[in-house]
Structures are given as C-alpha cells and as structure tokens.
Amino acid sequence: MDCLFCKIAAGEIPSNKLYEDDTLLAFYDIDPQAPLHFLVIPKRHIGSAAKLTEEDAPLLGHIYAVIANLCRELGVDESGYRVVTNVGTDGGQSVRHLHFHVLAKRGLAWPPG
C-alpha cells in the first residue's frame, strides 16, 4: 500500500514524534495551522472515520485518552484545543488514512472553514 501515514508509522519516512505506542503515533504537522498542531494516527491502516466499526471503539477511546494526556503535558488542557478528523474530498481529507488534527494556542473560529 502506498500510504504516506503507513510509511510514517513504519518509520520509513521521518516525523517529529510526540508520542508512540504499539497502536498509535502522534507527530507534529509539517504545515501547522496553529502554534500547536499535531496529528494522531493509528498504526493500522484505516481509510477514514467512515471506515470505523463498533470493533474500533477501544482504539478510538485510546486515541482520545492519548490526545487528552498530550494536551495536559503541553499545557493546553485548560486554555482549550480542537480535535478534527476530515472525511473524504468534500471534508478536506488529503491523506486517506484516519488521522486526528489537534490544534491549540490560538483562538479557533466557529464555524470552521
């Protein structure tokens, strides 16, 4: 499979890692849209949130727990942050591998884009 994020998860392409365990990788975005912008990806290829099933519930719980912990460690748990996952072309998904953007350290307007 020719997936950018699978290659990053496998260590074939370098990333500025923030967190890693057996199932997840978090790394800083190479084109940050906020002063703090990192991505969290499952190491297993999942095309997008549209491909999730009930069996993925433990994975999603782990993803959000890791995000919460990282945001505490980075000192943005009180000031706030946004977690975004894009699905499909109209949703703005540019890499067809489930990933969560975490943005912080600036005011984030609503509605987005």
N, C-alpha and C. Protein backbone atom coordinates (compact mmCIF):
# COMPACT_ATOMS: atom_id res chain seq x y z
N MET A 1 0.85 -1.19 0.00
CA MET A 1 0.00 0.00 0.00
C MET A 1 0.89 1.24 0.00
N ASP A 2 0.51 2.20 -0.80
CA ASP A 2 1.29 3.42 -0.92
C ASP A 2 0.64 4.53 -0.10
N CYS A 3 0.69 4.38 1.22
CA CYS A 3 0.05 5.34 2.13
C CYS A 3 1.13 6.10 2.91
N LEU A 4 1.10 7.42 2.79
CA LEU A 4 2.06 8.27 3.47
C LEU A 4 2.10 7.99 4.97
N PHE A 5 0.93 7.94 5.61
CA PHE A 5 0.92 7.77 7.07
C PHE A 5 1.32 6.36 7.48
N CYS A 6 1.04 5.35 6.66
CA CYS A 6 1.54 4.00 6.96
C CYS A 6 3.06 3.99 6.93
N LYS A 7 3.65 4.71 5.97
CA LYS A 7 5.11 4.79 5.87
C LYS A 7 5.70 5.54 7.07
N ILE A 8 5.03 6.60 7.51
CA ILE A 8 5.49 7.33 8.70
C ILE A 8 5.39 6.42 9.92
N ALA A 9 4.27 5.72 10.07
CA ALA A 9 4.08 4.82 11.22
C ALA A 9 5.12 3.71 11.23
N ALA A 10 5.54 3.24 10.05
CA ALA A 10 6.53 2.17 9.95
C ALA A 10 7.96 2.69 10.10
N GLY A 11 8.13 4.00 10.19
CA GLY A 11 9.45 4.58 10.33
C GLY A 11 10.20 4.72 9.01
N GLU A 12 9.51 4.51 7.90
CA GLU A 12 10.14 4.64 6.59
C GLU A 12 10.32 6.10 6.19
N ILE A 13 9.47 6.96 6.72
CA ILE A 13 9.55 8.40 6.49
C ILE A 13 9.67 9.04 7.87
N PRO A 14 10.66 9.91 8.07
CA PRO A 14 10.84 10.51 9.40
C PRO A 14 9.70 11.47 9.76
N SER A 15 9.47 11.58 11.05
CA SER A 15 8.49 12.55 11.56
C SER A 15 9.01 13.10 12.88
N ASN A 16 8.47 14.22 13.27
CA ASN A 16 8.82 14.83 14.55
C ASN A 16 7.87 14.25 15.59
N LYS A 17 8.22 13.08 16.13
CA LYS A 17 7.35 12.32 17.02
C LYS A 17 7.11 13.03 18.34
N LEU A 18 5.87 12.94 18.76
CA LEU A 18 5.44 13.47 20.04
C LEU A 18 5.09 12.33 20.99
N TYR A 19 4.58 11.23 20.43
CA TYR A 19 4.15 10.07 21.22
C TYR A 19 4.11 8.85 20.31
N GLU A 20 4.43 7.69 20.89
CA GLU A 20 4.30 6.46 20.14
C GLU A 20 4.06 5.31 21.10
N ASP A 21 3.17 4.41 20.72
CA ASP A 21 2.99 3.15 21.42
C ASP A 21 2.74 2.07 20.36
N ASP A 22 2.28 0.91 20.77
CA ASP A 22 2.09 -0.19 19.82
C ASP A 22 1.02 0.09 18.77
N THR A 23 0.05 0.94 19.10
CA THR A 23 -1.08 1.14 18.20
C THR A 23 -1.18 2.54 17.59
N LEU A 24 -0.53 3.53 18.21
CA LEU A 24 -0.68 4.92 17.79
C LEU A 24 0.66 5.61 17.59
N LEU A 25 0.60 6.67 16.79
CA LEU A 25 1.72 7.58 16.63
C LEU A 25 1.17 9.00 16.62
N ALA A 26 1.81 9.88 17.36
CA ALA A 26 1.47 11.31 17.33
C ALA A 26 2.73 12.06 16.90
N PHE A 27 2.55 12.99 15.98
CA PHE A 27 3.69 13.75 15.49
C PHE A 27 3.23 15.14 15.08
N TYR A 28 4.17 16.08 15.09
CA TYR A 28 3.86 17.45 14.73
C TYR A 28 3.58 17.57 13.23
N ASP A 29 2.58 18.37 12.89
CA ASP A 29 2.22 18.60 11.49
C ASP A 29 3.32 19.39 10.79
N ILE A 30 3.64 19.00 9.56
CA ILE A 30 4.70 19.71 8.82
C ILE A 30 4.23 21.05 8.26
N ASP A 31 2.91 21.28 8.25
CA ASP A 31 2.35 22.55 7.78
C ASP A 31 1.35 23.03 8.83
N PRO A 32 1.87 23.46 10.00
CA PRO A 32 0.97 23.78 11.11
C PRO A 32 0.00 24.91 10.81
N GLN A 33 -1.24 24.70 11.25
CA GLN A 33 -2.30 25.70 11.08
C GLN A 33 -2.61 26.43 12.38
N ALA A 34 -1.82 26.15 13.42
CA ALA A 34 -1.94 26.81 14.72
C ALA A 34 -0.56 26.71 15.37
N PRO A 35 -0.29 27.54 16.38
CA PRO A 35 1.01 27.44 17.05
C PRO A 35 1.32 26.04 17.59
N LEU A 36 0.30 25.31 17.98
CA LEU A 36 0.45 23.90 18.33
C LEU A 36 -0.45 23.11 17.40
N HIS A 37 0.14 22.22 16.60
CA HIS A 37 -0.63 21.42 15.65
C HIS A 37 0.07 20.07 15.50
N PHE A 38 -0.58 19.04 16.01
CA PHE A 38 -0.04 17.71 15.84
C PHE A 38 -1.12 16.76 15.35
N LEU A 39 -0.67 15.63 14.82
CA LEU A 39 -1.56 14.60 14.30
C LEU A 39 -1.45 13.36 15.15
N VAL A 40 -2.55 12.65 15.29
CA VAL A 40 -2.56 11.35 15.94
C VAL A 40 -3.14 10.36 14.94
N ILE A 41 -2.38 9.29 14.68
CA ILE A 41 -2.81 8.29 13.70
C ILE A 41 -2.74 6.90 14.32
N PRO A 42 -3.67 6.03 13.93
CA PRO A 42 -3.48 4.62 14.28
C PRO A 42 -2.41 4.05 13.36
N LYS A 43 -1.62 3.12 13.87
CA LYS A 43 -0.60 2.49 13.03
C LYS A 43 -1.24 1.56 12.00
N ARG A 44 -2.37 0.97 12.36
CA ARG A 44 -3.11 0.12 11.42
C ARG A 44 -3.83 1.02 10.42
N HIS A 45 -3.77 0.64 9.17
CA HIS A 45 -4.41 1.47 8.14
C HIS A 45 -5.93 1.37 8.25
N ILE A 46 -6.54 2.53 8.41
CA ILE A 46 -7.99 2.71 8.35
C ILE A 46 -8.17 3.91 7.43
N GLY A 47 -8.93 3.76 6.37
CA GLY A 47 -9.03 4.81 5.36
C GLY A 47 -9.54 6.15 5.85
N SER A 48 -10.53 6.14 6.74
CA SER A 48 -11.09 7.38 7.28
C SER A 48 -12.05 7.01 8.39
N ALA A 49 -12.63 8.00 9.03
CA ALA A 49 -13.64 7.74 10.07
C ALA A 49 -14.84 7.00 9.49
N ALA A 50 -15.07 7.13 8.20
CA ALA A 50 -16.19 6.44 7.57
C ALA A 50 -15.99 4.92 7.54
N LYS A 51 -14.78 4.48 7.75
CA LYS A 51 -14.46 3.05 7.73
C LYS A 51 -14.46 2.43 9.13
N LEU A 52 -14.73 3.22 10.16
CA LEU A 52 -14.73 2.70 11.53
C LEU A 52 -15.93 1.80 11.79
N THR A 53 -15.73 0.83 12.67
CA THR A 53 -16.81 -0.06 13.08
C THR A 53 -16.89 -0.08 14.60
N GLU A 54 -17.89 -0.75 15.13
CA GLU A 54 -18.03 -0.90 16.58
C GLU A 54 -16.77 -1.53 17.19
N GLU A 55 -16.12 -2.40 16.45
CA GLU A 55 -14.91 -3.06 16.96
C GLU A 55 -13.76 -2.07 17.16
N ASP A 56 -13.85 -0.90 16.56
CA ASP A 56 -12.81 0.12 16.71
C ASP A 56 -13.01 1.01 17.94
N ALA A 57 -14.06 0.76 18.71
CA ALA A 57 -14.34 1.60 19.88
C ALA A 57 -13.16 1.68 20.85
N PRO A 58 -12.50 0.56 21.19
CA PRO A 58 -11.34 0.67 22.09
C PRO A 58 -10.22 1.53 21.51
N LEU A 59 -9.99 1.42 20.21
CA LEU A 59 -8.97 2.23 19.56
C LEU A 59 -9.31 3.72 19.68
N LEU A 60 -10.56 4.06 19.41
CA LEU A 60 -10.96 5.48 19.50
C LEU A 60 -10.86 6.00 20.92
N GLY A 61 -11.22 5.19 21.89
CA GLY A 61 -11.07 5.60 23.28
C GLY A 61 -9.61 5.87 23.61
N HIS A 62 -8.74 5.01 23.11
CA HIS A 62 -7.30 5.17 23.35
C HIS A 62 -6.79 6.44 22.66
N ILE A 63 -7.23 6.69 21.44
CA ILE A 63 -6.82 7.90 20.73
C ILE A 63 -7.18 9.14 21.53
N TYR A 64 -8.42 9.22 21.99
CA TYR A 64 -8.85 10.42 22.72
C TYR A 64 -8.18 10.54 24.09
N ALA A 65 -7.88 9.42 24.72
CA ALA A 65 -7.16 9.46 26.00
C ALA A 65 -5.73 9.96 25.78
N VAL A 66 -5.09 9.52 24.72
CA VAL A 66 -3.74 9.99 24.40
C VAL A 66 -3.76 11.47 24.08
N ILE A 67 -4.75 11.92 23.30
CA ILE A 67 -4.86 13.34 22.98
C ILE A 67 -5.02 14.16 24.27
N ALA A 68 -5.90 13.72 25.16
CA ALA A 68 -6.11 14.45 26.41
C ALA A 68 -4.83 14.51 27.23
N ASN A 69 -4.11 13.40 27.31
CA ASN A 69 -2.87 13.37 28.07
C ASN A 69 -1.81 14.28 27.45
N LEU A 70 -1.65 14.22 26.13
CA LEU A 70 -0.68 15.08 25.46
C LEU A 70 -1.03 16.56 25.66
N CYS A 71 -2.30 16.89 25.57
CA CYS A 71 -2.70 18.28 25.76
C CYS A 71 -2.45 18.75 27.19
N ARG A 72 -2.62 17.86 28.18
CA ARG A 72 -2.24 18.20 29.55
C ARG A 72 -0.74 18.45 29.63
N GLU A 73 0.05 17.53 29.07
CA GLU A 73 1.51 17.67 29.10
C GLU A 73 1.98 18.94 28.40
N LEU A 74 1.30 19.32 27.34
CA LEU A 74 1.68 20.52 26.57
C LEU A 74 1.07 21.80 27.12
N GLY A 75 0.27 21.69 28.19
CA GLY A 75 -0.26 22.85 28.87
C GLY A 75 -1.41 23.55 28.18
N VAL A 76 -2.17 22.83 27.35
CA VAL A 76 -3.31 23.46 26.68
C VAL A 76 -4.64 22.86 27.11
N ASP A 77 -4.62 22.02 28.13
CA ASP A 77 -5.86 21.39 28.58
C ASP A 77 -6.83 22.40 29.17
N GLU A 78 -6.34 23.45 29.77
CA GLU A 78 -7.22 24.47 30.36
C GLU A 78 -7.60 25.55 29.35
N SER A 79 -6.66 25.98 28.52
CA SER A 79 -6.95 27.05 27.55
C SER A 79 -7.79 26.54 26.38
N GLY A 80 -7.67 25.26 26.07
CA GLY A 80 -8.51 24.66 25.05
C GLY A 80 -7.76 24.27 23.79
N TYR A 81 -8.37 23.36 23.06
CA TYR A 81 -7.81 22.85 21.82
C TYR A 81 -8.95 22.28 20.99
N ARG A 82 -8.66 22.02 19.72
CA ARG A 82 -9.65 21.45 18.82
C ARG A 82 -9.10 20.14 18.27
N VAL A 83 -9.98 19.14 18.18
CA VAL A 83 -9.65 17.86 17.56
C VAL A 83 -10.52 17.73 16.32
N VAL A 84 -9.88 17.49 15.17
CA VAL A 84 -10.59 17.42 13.89
C VAL A 84 -10.16 16.17 13.14
N THR A 85 -11.14 15.49 12.57
CA THR A 85 -10.83 14.45 11.59
C THR A 85 -11.66 14.74 10.35
N ASN A 86 -11.01 14.77 9.22
CA ASN A 86 -11.68 15.06 7.97
C ASN A 86 -12.00 13.74 7.26
N VAL A 87 -13.13 13.71 6.56
CA VAL A 87 -13.55 12.50 5.85
C VAL A 87 -13.86 12.86 4.40
N GLY A 88 -13.13 12.22 3.49
CA GLY A 88 -13.40 12.39 2.07
C GLY A 88 -12.99 13.73 1.51
N THR A 89 -13.12 13.84 0.22
CA THR A 89 -12.70 15.03 -0.51
C THR A 89 -13.43 16.28 -0.03
N ASP A 90 -14.75 16.23 0.05
CA ASP A 90 -15.51 17.40 0.49
C ASP A 90 -15.23 17.76 1.94
N GLY A 91 -14.83 16.78 2.74
CA GLY A 91 -14.49 17.03 4.13
C GLY A 91 -13.07 17.54 4.33
N GLY A 92 -12.30 17.60 3.25
CA GLY A 92 -10.94 18.13 3.32
C GLY A 92 -9.88 17.09 3.65
N GLN A 93 -10.19 15.80 3.51
CA GLN A 93 -9.21 14.76 3.81
C GLN A 93 -8.20 14.66 2.68
N SER A 94 -6.93 14.92 2.99
CA SER A 94 -5.90 14.88 1.95
C SER A 94 -5.08 13.59 1.99
N VAL A 95 -5.03 12.93 3.14
CA VAL A 95 -4.34 11.64 3.25
C VAL A 95 -5.39 10.61 3.64
N ARG A 96 -5.53 9.57 2.85
CA ARG A 96 -6.56 8.55 3.07
C ARG A 96 -6.14 7.53 4.11
N HIS A 97 -5.88 8.04 5.31
CA HIS A 97 -5.55 7.24 6.48
C HIS A 97 -6.13 8.01 7.65
N LEU A 98 -6.93 7.34 8.46
CA LEU A 98 -7.57 8.01 9.59
C LEU A 98 -6.53 8.79 10.39
N HIS A 99 -6.81 10.05 10.62
CA HIS A 99 -5.92 10.87 11.45
C HIS A 99 -6.71 11.99 12.10
N PHE A 100 -6.21 12.40 13.24
CA PHE A 100 -6.84 13.43 14.04
C PHE A 100 -5.87 14.60 14.16
N HIS A 101 -6.32 15.78 13.75
CA HIS A 101 -5.56 17.00 13.93
C HIS A 101 -5.88 17.54 15.31
N VAL A 102 -4.86 17.96 16.04
CA VAL A 102 -5.06 18.64 17.32
C VAL A 102 -4.42 20.01 17.17
N LEU A 103 -5.25 21.05 17.33
CA LEU A 103 -4.81 22.43 17.15
C LEU A 103 -5.04 23.22 18.43
N ALA A 104 -4.06 24.06 18.79
CA ALA A 104 -4.18 24.84 20.02
C ALA A 104 -3.25 26.04 19.98
N LYS A 105 -3.35 26.83 21.03
CA LYS A 105 -2.52 28.02 21.29
C LYS A 105 -2.90 29.19 20.39
N ARG A 106 -4.14 29.21 19.92
CA ARG A 106 -4.71 30.39 19.26
C ARG A 106 -6.21 30.23 19.30
N GLY A 107 -6.93 31.34 19.15
CA GLY A 107 -8.37 31.26 19.08
C GLY A 107 -8.78 30.56 17.79
N LEU A 108 -9.72 29.65 17.90
CA LEU A 108 -10.18 28.89 16.75
C LEU A 108 -11.64 29.25 16.47
N ALA A 109 -11.87 29.87 15.32
CA ALA A 109 -13.20 30.38 14.98
C ALA A 109 -14.20 29.23 14.76
N TRP A 110 -15.46 29.56 14.93
CA TRP A 110 -16.55 28.63 14.63
C TRP A 110 -17.59 29.36 13.82
N PRO A 111 -18.15 28.84 12.78
CA PRO A 111 -17.83 27.52 12.24
C PRO A 111 -16.49 27.55 11.52
N PRO A 112 -15.81 26.38 11.46
CA PRO A 112 -14.54 26.32 10.75
C PRO A 112 -14.75 26.40 9.24
N GLY A 113 -13.68 26.73 8.52
CA GLY A 113 -13.58 26.77 7.07
C GLY A 113 -14.86 26.68 6.38
